[in-house]
């Protein structure tokens, strides 16, 4: 009897200890989840349409806002590779075109657009001897794109449809913007739908002509061309860090709009530093005039982009509800 009583007491004691241990573990777990990240991984392109991210890095705005948080940066040449990196948890946040963001969202809705970055900045240039004087003349021609399903690809489809051109009668070629001018000179392609500063670069290096400028291509200069995208698991776990990113982003946009010449030089210095290539200041200055740094997001344009992307077969649905979340941006703007 005594043995049974002793066993019961020991069992009860063990259960109490276990419960306390679980409670303490729960508290530790809760505390860990409440702590914000000690590192932030930022992705962007070495293009002028990503100038807000570049200026924020060069001016030290991110470092100023994040304090002791470690900053890691990753550059990409196209939206597909950017979104693949985000989907595989290689980056947390950064700037990308809205079309890759929405295409990936349909397949894997684990990210959100939290701000605009640049409007405009996309153009359509053609070879001077390609006998192309209007969009209708693009039938039977080869047009280069940064990648299939890109914002420039969808913009080209929009412009072709607006002109009544059968999209299937235009051959689209995936080509890195930096190599496009050489292919035009060789006669291998007839033009390009591209972002700046590559539009100006192709005009200069290949003697190409501007068929549709930033006001005429696709949705025009007020069209959302570049956005800030973040993993939802990052924003939900790090709301204050997300807002600090946006504060730095807004600082950069204000600086760009108030100090265009210095912003251009910062862009040139940054590109030379990370790519080893020295861009023409004259070309970049011309390209800068074709875009607008802004936090604005044209949600109606994004919905139309989704519709076109679905019709093109890039996605199987155009339902993008939940993709745009401007609540963090609104909080930051209201604090200013």
C-alpha atoms as a PDB file:
ATOM      1  CA  UNK A   1       0.000   0.000   0.000  1.00  0.00           C
ATOM      2  CA  UNK A   2       2.822   2.348   0.972  1.00  0.00           C
ATOM      3  CA  UNK A   3       4.604   1.514  -2.298  1.00  0.00           C
ATOM      4  CA  UNK A   4       1.495   2.357  -4.300  1.00  0.00           C
ATOM      5  CA  UNK A   5       1.069   5.648  -2.452  1.00  0.00           C
ATOM      6  CA  UNK A   6       4.728   6.564  -3.015  1.00  0.00           C
ATOM      7  CA  UNK A   7       4.418   5.726  -6.715  1.00  0.00           C
ATOM      8  CA  UNK A   8       1.279   7.902  -7.012  1.00  0.00           C
ATOM      9  CA  UNK A   9       3.006  10.828  -5.299  1.00  0.00           C
ATOM     10  CA  UNK A  10       6.076  10.538  -7.543  1.00  0.00           C
ATOM     11  CA  UNK A  11       3.899  10.298 -10.665  1.00  0.00           C
ATOM     12  CA  UNK A  12       1.938  13.399  -9.651  1.00  0.00           C
ATOM     13  CA  UNK A  13       5.192  15.268  -8.941  1.00  0.00           C
ATOM     14  CA  UNK A  14       6.561  14.304 -12.356  1.00  0.00           C
ATOM     15  CA  UNK A  15       3.378  15.556 -14.062  1.00  0.00           C
ATOM     16  CA  UNK A  16       3.601  18.891 -12.226  1.00  0.00           C
ATOM     17  CA  UNK A  17       7.233  19.307 -13.285  1.00  0.00           C
ATOM     18  CA  UNK A  18       6.342  18.419 -16.848  1.00  0.00           C
ATOM     19  CA  UNK A  19       3.499  20.940 -16.917  1.00  0.00           C
ATOM     20  CA  UNK A  20       5.780  23.657 -15.558  1.00  0.00           C
ATOM     21  CA  UNK A  21       8.424  22.748 -18.105  1.00  0.00           C
ATOM     22  CA  UNK A  22       5.907  22.944 -20.952  1.00  0.00           C
ATOM     23  CA  UNK A  23       4.632  26.271 -19.671  1.00  0.00           C
ATOM     24  CA  UNK A  24       8.173  27.685 -19.538  1.00  0.00           C
ATOM     25  CA  UNK A  25       8.880  26.290 -23.014  1.00  0.00           C
ATOM     26  CA  UNK A  26       5.730  27.972 -24.246  1.00  0.00           C
ATOM     27  CA  UNK A  27       6.879  31.267 -22.780  1.00  0.00           C
ATOM     28  CA  UNK A  28      10.306  30.907 -24.415  1.00  0.00           C
ATOM     29  CA  UNK A  29       8.711  30.050 -27.744  1.00  0.00           C
ATOM     30  CA  UNK A  30       6.369  32.999 -27.506  1.00  0.00           C
ATOM     31  CA  UNK A  31       9.278  35.307 -26.688  1.00  0.00           C
ATOM     32  CA  UNK A  32      11.324  34.014 -29.653  1.00  0.00           C
ATOM     33  CA  UNK A  33       8.470  34.555 -32.082  1.00  0.00           C
ATOM     34  CA  UNK A  34       8.012  38.078 -30.742  1.00  0.00           C
ATOM     35  CA  UNK A  35      11.585  39.047 -31.587  1.00  0.00           C
ATOM     36  CA  UNK A  36      12.156  40.619 -34.987  1.00  0.00           C
ATOM     37  CA  UNK A  37      14.693  39.241 -37.447  1.00  0.00           C
ATOM     38  CA  UNK A  38      18.392  39.978 -36.969  1.00  0.00           C
ATOM     39  CA  UNK A  39      18.983  39.868 -40.729  1.00  0.00           C
ATOM     40  CA  UNK A  40      17.101  41.183 -43.734  1.00  0.00           C
ATOM     41  CA  UNK A  41      17.728  39.922 -47.283  1.00  0.00           C
ATOM     42  CA  UNK A  42      16.951  42.485 -49.983  1.00  0.00           C
ATOM     43  CA  UNK A  43      16.621  41.726 -53.698  1.00  0.00           C
ATOM     44  CA  UNK A  44      16.658  44.140 -56.653  1.00  0.00           C
ATOM     45  CA  UNK A  45      17.805  44.585 -60.275  1.00  0.00           C
ATOM     46  CA  UNK A  46      20.756  46.696 -61.507  1.00  0.00           C
ATOM     47  CA  UNK A  47      18.266  48.750 -63.567  1.00  0.00           C
ATOM     48  CA  UNK A  48      17.109  52.344 -63.366  1.00  0.00           C
ATOM     49  CA  UNK A  49      13.580  51.202 -62.544  1.00  0.00           C
ATOM     50  CA  UNK A  50      15.056  49.961 -59.242  1.00  0.00           C
ATOM     51  CA  UNK A  51      16.675  53.297 -58.457  1.00  0.00           C
ATOM     52  CA  UNK A  52      14.766  53.672 -55.166  1.00  0.00           C
ATOM     53  CA  UNK A  53      16.401  50.538 -53.740  1.00  0.00           C
ATOM     54  CA  UNK A  54      19.791  51.552 -55.098  1.00  0.00           C
ATOM     55  CA  UNK A  55      19.618  55.062 -53.600  1.00  0.00           C
ATOM     56  CA  UNK A  56      18.414  53.678 -50.251  1.00  0.00           C
ATOM     57  CA  UNK A  57      21.492  51.429 -50.202  1.00  0.00           C
ATOM     58  CA  UNK A  58      23.932  54.089 -51.378  1.00  0.00           C
ATOM     59  CA  UNK A  59      22.636  56.784 -48.995  1.00  0.00           C
ATOM     60  CA  UNK A  60      22.634  54.369 -46.076  1.00  0.00           C
ATOM     61  CA  UNK A  61      18.909  54.773 -45.428  1.00  0.00           C
ATOM     62  CA  UNK A  62      18.384  51.050 -44.836  1.00  0.00           C
ATOM     63  CA  UNK A  63      21.328  50.905 -42.440  1.00  0.00           C
ATOM     64  CA  UNK A  64      20.062  53.992 -40.642  1.00  0.00           C
ATOM     65  CA  UNK A  65      16.587  52.512 -40.200  1.00  0.00           C
ATOM     66  CA  UNK A  66      17.571  48.923 -39.377  1.00  0.00           C
ATOM     67  CA  UNK A  67      20.286  49.696 -36.832  1.00  0.00           C
ATOM     68  CA  UNK A  68      21.987  46.452 -35.760  1.00  0.00           C
ATOM     69  CA  UNK A  69      20.044  44.296 -38.222  1.00  0.00           C
ATOM     70  CA  UNK A  70      22.392  42.721 -40.771  1.00  0.00           C
ATOM     71  CA  UNK A  71      21.631  43.634 -44.407  1.00  0.00           C
ATOM     72  CA  UNK A  72      22.273  41.176 -47.233  1.00  0.00           C
ATOM     73  CA  UNK A  73      21.632  42.129 -50.856  1.00  0.00           C
ATOM     74  CA  UNK A  74      21.034  39.989 -53.940  1.00  0.00           C
ATOM     75  CA  UNK A  75      20.769  41.266 -57.528  1.00  0.00           C
ATOM     76  CA  UNK A  76      18.725  39.672 -60.309  1.00  0.00           C
ATOM     77  CA  UNK A  77      18.462  40.113 -64.072  1.00  0.00           C
ATOM     78  CA  UNK A  78      14.763  39.328 -64.392  1.00  0.00           C
ATOM     79  CA  UNK A  79      11.566  38.978 -62.403  1.00  0.00           C
ATOM     80  CA  UNK A  80      11.328  35.211 -62.750  1.00  0.00           C
ATOM     81  CA  UNK A  81      14.618  34.630 -60.947  1.00  0.00           C
ATOM     82  CA  UNK A  82      13.709  37.229 -58.304  1.00  0.00           C
ATOM     83  CA  UNK A  83      10.374  35.562 -57.540  1.00  0.00           C
ATOM     84  CA  UNK A  84      11.958  32.100 -57.552  1.00  0.00           C
ATOM     85  CA  UNK A  85      14.409  33.338 -54.919  1.00  0.00           C
ATOM     86  CA  UNK A  86      11.563  34.730 -52.829  1.00  0.00           C
ATOM     87  CA  UNK A  87       9.516  31.538 -53.194  1.00  0.00           C
ATOM     88  CA  UNK A  88      12.465  29.434 -52.027  1.00  0.00           C
ATOM     89  CA  UNK A  89      13.117  31.734 -49.050  1.00  0.00           C
ATOM     90  CA  UNK A  90      16.394  33.154 -50.399  1.00  0.00           C
ATOM     91  CA  UNK A  91      15.231  36.778 -50.020  1.00  0.00           C
ATOM     92  CA  UNK A  92      12.737  38.521 -47.730  1.00  0.00           C
ATOM     93  CA  UNK A  93      11.868  41.738 -49.527  1.00  0.00           C
ATOM     94  CA  UNK A  94      12.843  43.898 -52.504  1.00  0.00           C
ATOM     95  CA  UNK A  95      11.806  45.460 -55.791  1.00  0.00           C
ATOM     96  CA  UNK A  96      10.459  43.645 -58.837  1.00  0.00           C
ATOM     97  CA  UNK A  97       7.968  44.144 -61.673  1.00  0.00           C
ATOM     98  CA  UNK A  98       4.288  43.615 -60.774  1.00  0.00           C
ATOM     99  CA  UNK A  99       3.706  40.928 -63.423  1.00  0.00           C
ATOM    100  CA  UNK A 100       6.261  38.388 -62.078  1.00  0.00           C
ATOM    101  CA  UNK A 101       4.869  39.127 -58.616  1.00  0.00           C
ATOM    102  CA  UNK A 102       1.285  38.385 -59.640  1.00  0.00           C
ATOM    103  CA  UNK A 103       2.207  35.377 -61.803  1.00  0.00           C
ATOM    104  CA  UNK A 104       3.968  33.743 -58.858  1.00  0.00           C
ATOM    105  CA  UNK A 105       1.187  34.766 -56.463  1.00  0.00           C
ATOM    106  CA  UNK A 106      -1.378  32.766 -58.443  1.00  0.00           C
ATOM    107  CA  UNK A 107       0.763  29.649 -58.069  1.00  0.00           C
ATOM    108  CA  UNK A 108       2.151  30.301 -54.582  1.00  0.00           C
ATOM    109  CA  UNK A 109       0.402  33.113 -52.644  1.00  0.00           C
ATOM    110  CA  UNK A 110       3.050  33.655 -49.975  1.00  0.00           C
ATOM    111  CA  UNK A 111       4.077  37.232 -50.730  1.00  0.00           C
ATOM    112  CA  UNK A 112       2.498  40.665 -51.038  1.00  0.00           C
ATOM    113  CA  UNK A 113       3.002  44.009 -52.762  1.00  0.00           C
ATOM    114  CA  UNK A 114       3.476  46.563 -49.984  1.00  0.00           C
ATOM    115  CA  UNK A 115       4.390  49.694 -51.982  1.00  0.00           C
ATOM    116  CA  UNK A 116       5.049  51.119 -55.398  1.00  0.00           C
ATOM    117  CA  UNK A 117       8.598  52.059 -56.424  1.00  0.00           C
ATOM    118  CA  UNK A 118       8.574  53.396 -60.007  1.00  0.00           C
ATOM    119  CA  UNK A 119       5.948  54.338 -62.559  1.00  0.00           C
ATOM    120  CA  UNK A 120       6.739  54.405 -66.276  1.00  0.00           C
ATOM    121  CA  UNK A 121      10.279  53.634 -67.385  1.00  0.00           C
ATOM    122  CA  UNK A 122       9.273  51.068 -70.039  1.00  0.00           C
ATOM    123  CA  UNK A 123       9.532  51.670 -73.802  1.00  0.00           C
ATOM    124  CA  UNK A 124       9.421  49.951 -77.193  1.00  0.00           C
ATOM    125  CA  UNK A 125      12.426  50.530 -79.469  1.00  0.00           C
ATOM    126  CA  UNK A 126      12.934  49.198 -83.009  1.00  0.00           C
ATOM    127  CA  UNK A 127      15.784  48.882 -85.510  1.00  0.00           C
ATOM    128  CA  UNK A 128      16.065  51.923 -87.765  1.00  0.00           C
ATOM    129  CA  UNK A 129      16.119  49.771 -90.942  1.00  0.00           C
ATOM    130  CA  UNK A 130      13.354  47.331 -89.886  1.00  0.00           C
ATOM    131  CA  UNK A 131      10.664  49.289 -91.739  1.00  0.00           C
ATOM    132  CA  UNK A 132       8.600  49.678 -88.573  1.00  0.00           C
ATOM    133  CA  UNK A 133       6.734  52.972 -88.288  1.00  0.00           C
ATOM    134  CA  UNK A 134       3.789  51.916 -86.143  1.00  0.00           C
ATOM    135  CA  UNK A 135       2.755  49.069 -83.852  1.00  0.00           C
ATOM    136  CA  UNK A 136       0.845  47.511 -86.751  1.00  0.00           C
ATOM    137  CA  UNK A 137       4.162  47.061 -88.564  1.00  0.00           C
ATOM    138  CA  UNK A 138       5.326  44.646 -85.849  1.00  0.00           C
ATOM    139  CA  UNK A 139       3.496  41.730 -87.509  1.00  0.00           C
ATOM    140  CA  UNK A 140       6.072  39.180 -88.656  1.00  0.00           C
ATOM    141  CA  UNK A 141       8.849  40.850 -86.611  1.00  0.00           C
ATOM    142  CA  UNK A 142      11.033  39.605 -83.732  1.00  0.00           C
ATOM    143  CA  UNK A 143      10.866  41.607 -80.510  1.00  0.00           C
ATOM    144  CA  UNK A 144      13.172  41.010 -77.543  1.00  0.00           C
ATOM    145  CA  UNK A 145      11.950  40.822 -73.929  1.00  0.00           C
ATOM    146  CA  UNK A 146      13.879  40.520 -70.639  1.00  0.00           C
ATOM    147  CA  UNK A 147      11.987  37.264 -70.031  1.00  0.00           C
ATOM    148  CA  UNK A 148       8.634  35.680 -70.856  1.00  0.00           C
ATOM    149  CA  UNK A 149       5.856  36.714 -68.499  1.00  0.00           C
ATOM    150  CA  UNK A 150       7.724  39.886 -67.538  1.00  0.00           C
ATOM    151  CA  UNK A 151       6.057  43.271 -67.079  1.00  0.00           C
ATOM    152  CA  UNK A 152       7.514  44.303 -70.461  1.00  0.00           C
ATOM    153  CA  UNK A 153       6.093  41.159 -72.090  1.00  0.00           C
ATOM    154  CA  UNK A 154       2.591  41.880 -70.775  1.00  0.00           C
ATOM    155  CA  UNK A 155       3.009  45.548 -71.713  1.00  0.00           C
ATOM    156  CA  UNK A 156       3.888  44.553 -75.283  1.00  0.00           C
ATOM    157  CA  UNK A 157       0.772  42.359 -75.486  1.00  0.00           C
ATOM    158  CA  UNK A 158      -1.301  45.306 -74.227  1.00  0.00           C
ATOM    159  CA  UNK A 159       0.142  47.632 -76.905  1.00  0.00           C
ATOM    160  CA  UNK A 160      -0.329  45.047 -79.671  1.00  0.00           C
ATOM    161  CA  UNK A 161      -3.959  44.426 -78.709  1.00  0.00           C
ATOM    162  CA  UNK A 162      -4.686  48.150 -78.479  1.00  0.00           C
ATOM    163  CA  UNK A 163      -3.393  48.511 -82.052  1.00  0.00           C
ATOM    164  CA  UNK A 164      -5.441  45.529 -83.269  1.00  0.00           C
ATOM    165  CA  UNK A 165      -2.377  43.380 -83.964  1.00  0.00           C
ATOM    166  CA  UNK A 166      -2.574  39.589 -83.647  1.00  0.00           C
ATOM    167  CA  UNK A 167      -0.134  38.779 -80.837  1.00  0.00           C
ATOM    168  CA  UNK A 168       0.618  35.374 -82.394  1.00  0.00           C
ATOM    169  CA  UNK A 169       2.016  37.089 -85.490  1.00  0.00           C
ATOM    170  CA  UNK A 170       4.790  38.749 -83.467  1.00  0.00           C
ATOM    171  CA  UNK A 171       7.746  36.572 -82.426  1.00  0.00           C
ATOM    172  CA  UNK A 172       8.900  37.274 -78.880  1.00  0.00           C
ATOM    173  CA  UNK A 173      12.522  36.489 -78.009  1.00  0.00           C
ATOM    174  CA  UNK A 174      13.896  36.211 -74.463  1.00  0.00           C
ATOM    175  CA  UNK A 175      17.060  38.288 -74.307  1.00  0.00           C
ATOM    176  CA  UNK A 176      19.101  40.031 -71.617  1.00  0.00           C
ATOM    177  CA  UNK A 177      18.631  43.816 -72.097  1.00  0.00           C
ATOM    178  CA  UNK A 178      22.382  44.433 -71.973  1.00  0.00           C
ATOM    179  CA  UNK A 179      22.890  42.249 -75.072  1.00  0.00           C
ATOM    180  CA  UNK A 180      19.923  43.498 -77.088  1.00  0.00           C
ATOM    181  CA  UNK A 181      21.662  46.349 -78.922  1.00  0.00           C
ATOM    182  CA  UNK A 182      24.251  43.946 -80.377  1.00  0.00           C
ATOM    183  CA  UNK A 183      21.519  41.626 -81.693  1.00  0.00           C
ATOM    184  CA  UNK A 184      19.686  44.525 -83.331  1.00  0.00           C
ATOM    185  CA  UNK A 185      22.913  45.579 -85.058  1.00  0.00           C
ATOM    186  CA  UNK A 186      23.361  42.010 -86.333  1.00  0.00           C
ATOM    187  CA  UNK A 187      19.804  42.008 -87.659  1.00  0.00           C
ATOM    188  CA  UNK A 188      18.819  39.026 -85.490  1.00  0.00           C
ATOM    189  CA  UNK A 189      15.935  40.899 -83.854  1.00  0.00           C
ATOM    190  CA  UNK A 190      13.841  43.874 -84.937  1.00  0.00           C
ATOM    191  CA  UNK A 191      13.238  45.628 -81.650  1.00  0.00           C
ATOM    192  CA  UNK A 192      12.757  45.357 -77.907  1.00  0.00           C
ATOM    193  CA  UNK A 193      10.191  46.009 -75.214  1.00  0.00           C
ATOM    194  CA  UNK A 194      12.458  46.951 -72.340  1.00  0.00           C
ATOM    195  CA  UNK A 195      13.005  48.958 -69.180  1.00  0.00           C
ATOM    196  CA  UNK A 196      15.347  51.882 -68.703  1.00  0.00           C
ATOM    197  CA  UNK A 197      18.179  52.629 -69.023  1.00  0.00           C
ATOM    198  CA  UNK A 198      18.292  49.901 -71.687  1.00  0.00           C
ATOM    199  CA  UNK A 199      15.819  51.687 -73.957  1.00  0.00           C
ATOM    200  CA  UNK A 200      18.148  54.666 -74.312  1.00  0.00           C
ATOM    201  CA  UNK A 201      21.163  52.355 -74.509  1.00  0.00           C
ATOM    202  CA  UNK A 202      19.648  50.479 -77.478  1.00  0.00           C
ATOM    203  CA  UNK A 203      18.759  53.760 -79.182  1.00  0.00           C
ATOM    204  CA  UNK A 204      22.344  54.979 -78.802  1.00  0.00           C
ATOM    205  CA  UNK A 205      24.379  51.802 -79.329  1.00  0.00           C
ATOM    206  CA  UNK A 206      22.242  50.317 -82.114  1.00  0.00           C
ATOM    207  CA  UNK A 207      20.962  53.522 -83.677  1.00  0.00           C
ATOM    208  CA  UNK A 208      17.443  52.272 -82.903  1.00  0.00           C
ATOM    209  CA  UNK A 209      14.394  54.505 -82.857  1.00  0.00           C
ATOM    210  CA  UNK A 210      11.818  54.962 -80.141  1.00  0.00           C
ATOM    211  CA  UNK A 211       8.515  53.573 -81.400  1.00  0.00           C
ATOM    212  CA  UNK A 212       6.553  53.959 -78.141  1.00  0.00           C
ATOM    213  CA  UNK A 213       7.876  56.139 -75.326  1.00  0.00           C
ATOM    214  CA  UNK A 214       7.019  55.831 -71.638  1.00  0.00           C
ATOM    215  CA  UNK A 215       3.770  57.740 -72.157  1.00  0.00           C
ATOM    216  CA  UNK A 216       2.637  55.518 -75.046  1.00  0.00           C
ATOM    217  CA  UNK A 217       3.863  52.020 -74.184  1.00  0.00           C
ATOM    218  CA  UNK A 218       1.265  49.780 -72.510  1.00  0.00           C
ATOM    219  CA  UNK A 219      -0.467  51.777 -69.744  1.00  0.00           C
ATOM    220  CA  UNK A 220       1.756  54.830 -70.019  1.00  0.00           C
ATOM    221  CA  UNK A 221       3.866  56.801 -67.557  1.00  0.00           C
ATOM    222  CA  UNK A 222       1.360  56.437 -64.705  1.00  0.00           C
ATOM    223  CA  UNK A 223       1.514  52.647 -64.941  1.00  0.00           C
ATOM    224  CA  UNK A 224       3.034  50.783 -62.000  1.00  0.00           C
ATOM    225  CA  UNK A 225       6.307  49.367 -63.353  1.00  0.00           C
ATOM    226  CA  UNK A 226       8.220  48.408 -60.208  1.00  0.00           C
ATOM    227  CA  UNK A 227       6.870  47.488 -56.766  1.00  0.00           C
ATOM    228  CA  UNK A 228       8.121  46.510 -53.318  1.00  0.00           C
ATOM    229  CA  UNK A 229       7.303  42.843 -52.660  1.00  0.00           C
ATOM    230  CA  UNK A 230       7.830  40.938 -49.413  1.00  0.00           C
ATOM    231  CA  UNK A 231       7.217  37.450 -48.101  1.00  0.00           C
ATOM    232  CA  UNK A 232       4.056  37.520 -45.972  1.00  0.00           C
ATOM    233  CA  UNK A 233       5.750  35.379 -43.336  1.00  0.00           C
ATOM    234  CA  UNK A 234       8.437  38.068 -43.115  1.00  0.00           C
ATOM    235  CA  UNK A 235       6.028  41.022 -42.860  1.00  0.00           C
ATOM    236  CA  UNK A 236       3.736  39.299 -40.353  1.00  0.00           C
ATOM    237  CA  UNK A 237       6.668  38.252 -38.143  1.00  0.00           C
ATOM    238  CA  UNK A 238       8.498  41.580 -38.552  1.00  0.00           C
ATOM    239  CA  UNK A 239       5.938  44.409 -38.809  1.00  0.00           C
ATOM    240  CA  UNK A 240       8.265  47.058 -37.364  1.00  0.00           C
ATOM    241  CA  UNK A 241      11.148  45.994 -39.600  1.00  0.00           C
ATOM    242  CA  UNK A 242       8.775  46.099 -42.584  1.00  0.00           C
ATOM    243  CA  UNK A 243       7.809  49.664 -41.722  1.00  0.00           C
ATOM    244  CA  UNK A 244      11.474  50.603 -41.284  1.00  0.00           C
ATOM    245  CA  UNK A 245      12.151  49.267 -44.795  1.00  0.00           C
ATOM    246  CA  UNK A 246       9.330  51.446 -46.122  1.00  0.00           C
ATOM    247  CA  UNK A 247      10.631  54.483 -44.239  1.00  0.00           C
ATOM    248  CA  UNK A 248      14.010  54.040 -45.954  1.00  0.00           C
ATOM    249  CA  UNK A 249      12.209  53.469 -49.260  1.00  0.00           C
ATOM    250  CA  UNK A 250      10.276  56.738 -48.868  1.00  0.00           C
ATOM    251  CA  UNK A 251      13.472  58.584 -47.887  1.00  0.00           C
ATOM    252  CA  UNK A 252      15.064  57.351 -51.121  1.00  0.00           C
ATOM    253  CA  UNK A 253      12.080  58.377 -53.252  1.00  0.00           C
ATOM    254  CA  UNK A 254      12.041  61.858 -51.722  1.00  0.00           C
ATOM    255  CA  UNK A 255      15.779  62.191 -52.305  1.00  0.00           C
ATOM    256  CA  UNK A 256      15.452  61.080 -55.950  1.00  0.00           C
ATOM    257  CA  UNK A 257      12.694  63.584 -56.666  1.00  0.00           C
ATOM    258  CA  UNK A 258      14.438  66.446 -54.861  1.00  0.00           C
ATOM    259  CA  UNK A 259      18.020  65.715 -56.024  1.00  0.00           C
ATOM    260  CA  UNK A 260      17.809  64.140 -59.499  1.00  0.00           C
ATOM    261  CA  UNK A 261      21.412  64.857 -60.539  1.00  0.00           C
ATOM    262  CA  UNK A 262      22.883  63.372 -57.361  1.00  0.00           C
ATOM    263  CA  UNK A 263      20.511  60.383 -57.593  1.00  0.00           C
ATOM    264  CA  UNK A 264      21.716  59.719 -61.139  1.00  0.00           C
ATOM    265  CA  UNK A 265      25.349  59.797 -60.009  1.00  0.00           C
ATOM    266  CA  UNK A 266      24.594  57.429 -57.122  1.00  0.00           C
ATOM    267  CA  UNK A 267      22.969  55.061 -59.604  1.00  0.00           C
ATOM    268  CA  UNK A 268      25.991  55.217 -61.941  1.00  0.00           C
ATOM    269  CA  UNK A 269      28.430  54.612 -59.074  1.00  0.00           C
ATOM    270  CA  UNK A 270      26.397  51.685 -57.771  1.00  0.00           C
ATOM    271  CA  UNK A 271      26.129  49.966 -61.156  1.00  0.00           C
ATOM    272  CA  UNK A 272      29.879  50.319 -61.741  1.00  0.00           C
ATOM    273  CA  UNK A 273      30.574  48.931 -58.266  1.00  0.00           C
ATOM    274  CA  UNK A 274      28.426  45.795 -58.606  1.00  0.00           C
ATOM    275  CA  UNK A 275      28.790  45.039 -62.328  1.00  0.00           C
ATOM    276  CA  UNK A 276      32.130  46.595 -63.229  1.00  0.00           C
ATOM    277  CA  UNK A 277      30.429  48.394 -66.137  1.00  0.00           C
ATOM    278  CA  UNK A 278      30.447  52.146 -66.581  1.00  0.00           C
ATOM    279  CA  UNK A 279      27.192  53.434 -68.037  1.00  0.00           C
ATOM    280  CA  UNK A 280      26.965  56.667 -69.993  1.00  0.00           C
ATOM    281  CA  UNK A 281      25.840  59.544 -67.783  1.00  0.00           C
ATOM    282  CA  UNK A 282      24.181  61.172 -70.778  1.00  0.00           C
ATOM    283  CA  UNK A 283      22.161  58.018 -71.528  1.00  0.00           C
ATOM    284  CA  UNK A 284      21.191  57.486 -67.900  1.00  0.00           C
ATOM    285  CA  UNK A 285      20.108  61.113 -67.522  1.00  0.00           C
ATOM    286  CA  UNK A 286      17.881  60.749 -70.584  1.00  0.00           C
ATOM    287  CA  UNK A 287      16.464  57.485 -69.230  1.00  0.00           C
ATOM    288  CA  UNK A 288      15.820  59.068 -65.826  1.00  0.00           C
ATOM    289  CA  UNK A 289      13.412  61.514 -67.465  1.00  0.00           C
ATOM    290  CA  UNK A 290      11.229  58.589 -68.560  1.00  0.00           C
ATOM    291  CA  UNK A 291      10.282  57.350 -65.103  1.00  0.00           C
ATOM    292  CA  UNK A 292       8.862  58.557 -61.805  1.00  0.00           C
ATOM    293  CA  UNK A 293       9.903  57.318 -58.371  1.00  0.00           C
ATOM    294  CA  UNK A 294       6.749  56.893 -56.282  1.00  0.00           C
ATOM    295  CA  UNK A 295       5.054  54.743 -53.655  1.00  0.00           C
ATOM    296  CA  UNK A 296       1.817  54.765 -55.684  1.00  0.00           C
ATOM    297  CA  UNK A 297       0.366  51.425 -56.797  1.00  0.00           C
ATOM    298  CA  UNK A 298      -2.161  51.342 -59.642  1.00  0.00           C
ATOM    299  CA  UNK A 299      -4.230  48.337 -58.604  1.00  0.00           C
ATOM    300  CA  UNK A 300      -6.491  48.535 -61.652  1.00  0.00           C
ATOM    301  CA  UNK A 301      -3.473  48.180 -63.931  1.00  0.00           C
ATOM    302  CA  UNK A 302      -2.261  45.193 -61.903  1.00  0.00           C
ATOM    303  CA  UNK A 303      -5.666  43.524 -62.323  1.00  0.00           C
ATOM    304  CA  UNK A 304      -5.509  44.108 -66.076  1.00  0.00           C
ATOM    305  CA  UNK A 305      -1.963  42.723 -66.139  1.00  0.00           C
ATOM    306  CA  UNK A 306      -3.293  39.574 -64.458  1.00  0.00           C
ATOM    307  CA  UNK A 307      -6.051  39.258 -67.049  1.00  0.00           C
ATOM    308  CA  UNK A 308      -3.583  39.577 -69.951  1.00  0.00           C
ATOM    309  CA  UNK A 309      -1.155  37.157 -68.287  1.00  0.00           C
ATOM    310  CA  UNK A 310      -3.936  34.584 -67.967  1.00  0.00           C
ATOM    311  CA  UNK A 311      -4.978  35.033 -71.608  1.00  0.00           C
ATOM    312  CA  UNK A 312      -1.328  34.545 -72.622  1.00  0.00           C
ATOM    313  CA  UNK A 313      -1.261  31.227 -70.756  1.00  0.00           C
ATOM    314  CA  UNK A 314       1.260  32.270 -68.103  1.00  0.00           C
ATOM    315  CA  UNK A 315      -1.220  31.671 -65.263  1.00  0.00           C
ATOM    316  CA  UNK A 316      -4.488  29.754 -64.948  1.00  0.00           C
ATOM    317  CA  UNK A 317      -6.354  32.411 -62.954  1.00  0.00           C
ATOM    318  CA  UNK A 318      -6.469  36.200 -62.772  1.00  0.00           C
ATOM    319  CA  UNK A 319      -7.753  36.350 -59.193  1.00  0.00           C
ATOM    320  CA  UNK A 320      -5.154  38.446 -57.373  1.00  0.00           C
ATOM    321  CA  UNK A 321      -7.148  39.508 -54.320  1.00  0.00           C
ATOM    322  CA  UNK A 322      -4.807  39.789 -51.350  1.00  0.00           C
ATOM    323  CA  UNK A 323      -1.707  40.438 -53.450  1.00  0.00           C
ATOM    324  CA  UNK A 324      -1.663  44.178 -52.703  1.00  0.00           C
ATOM    325  CA  UNK A 325      -1.405  45.113 -49.015  1.00  0.00           C
ATOM    326  CA  UNK A 326      -0.690  48.801 -48.454  1.00  0.00           C
ATOM    327  CA  UNK A 327      -1.504  48.797 -44.724  1.00  0.00           C
ATOM    328  CA  UNK A 328       2.160  49.041 -43.654  1.00  0.00           C
ATOM    329  CA  UNK A 329       2.739  51.894 -46.102  1.00  0.00           C
ATOM    330  CA  UNK A 330      -0.345  53.739 -44.869  1.00  0.00           C
ATOM    331  CA  UNK A 331       0.858  53.425 -41.267  1.00  0.00           C
ATOM    332  CA  UNK A 332       4.235  54.890 -42.168  1.00  0.00           C
ATOM    333  CA  UNK A 333       2.728  57.732 -44.207  1.00  0.00           C
ATOM    334  CA  UNK A 334       0.304  58.563 -41.384  1.00  0.00           C
ATOM    335  CA  UNK A 335       3.224  58.808 -38.937  1.00  0.00           C
ATOM    336  CA  UNK A 336       4.975  61.436 -41.069  1.00  0.00           C
END
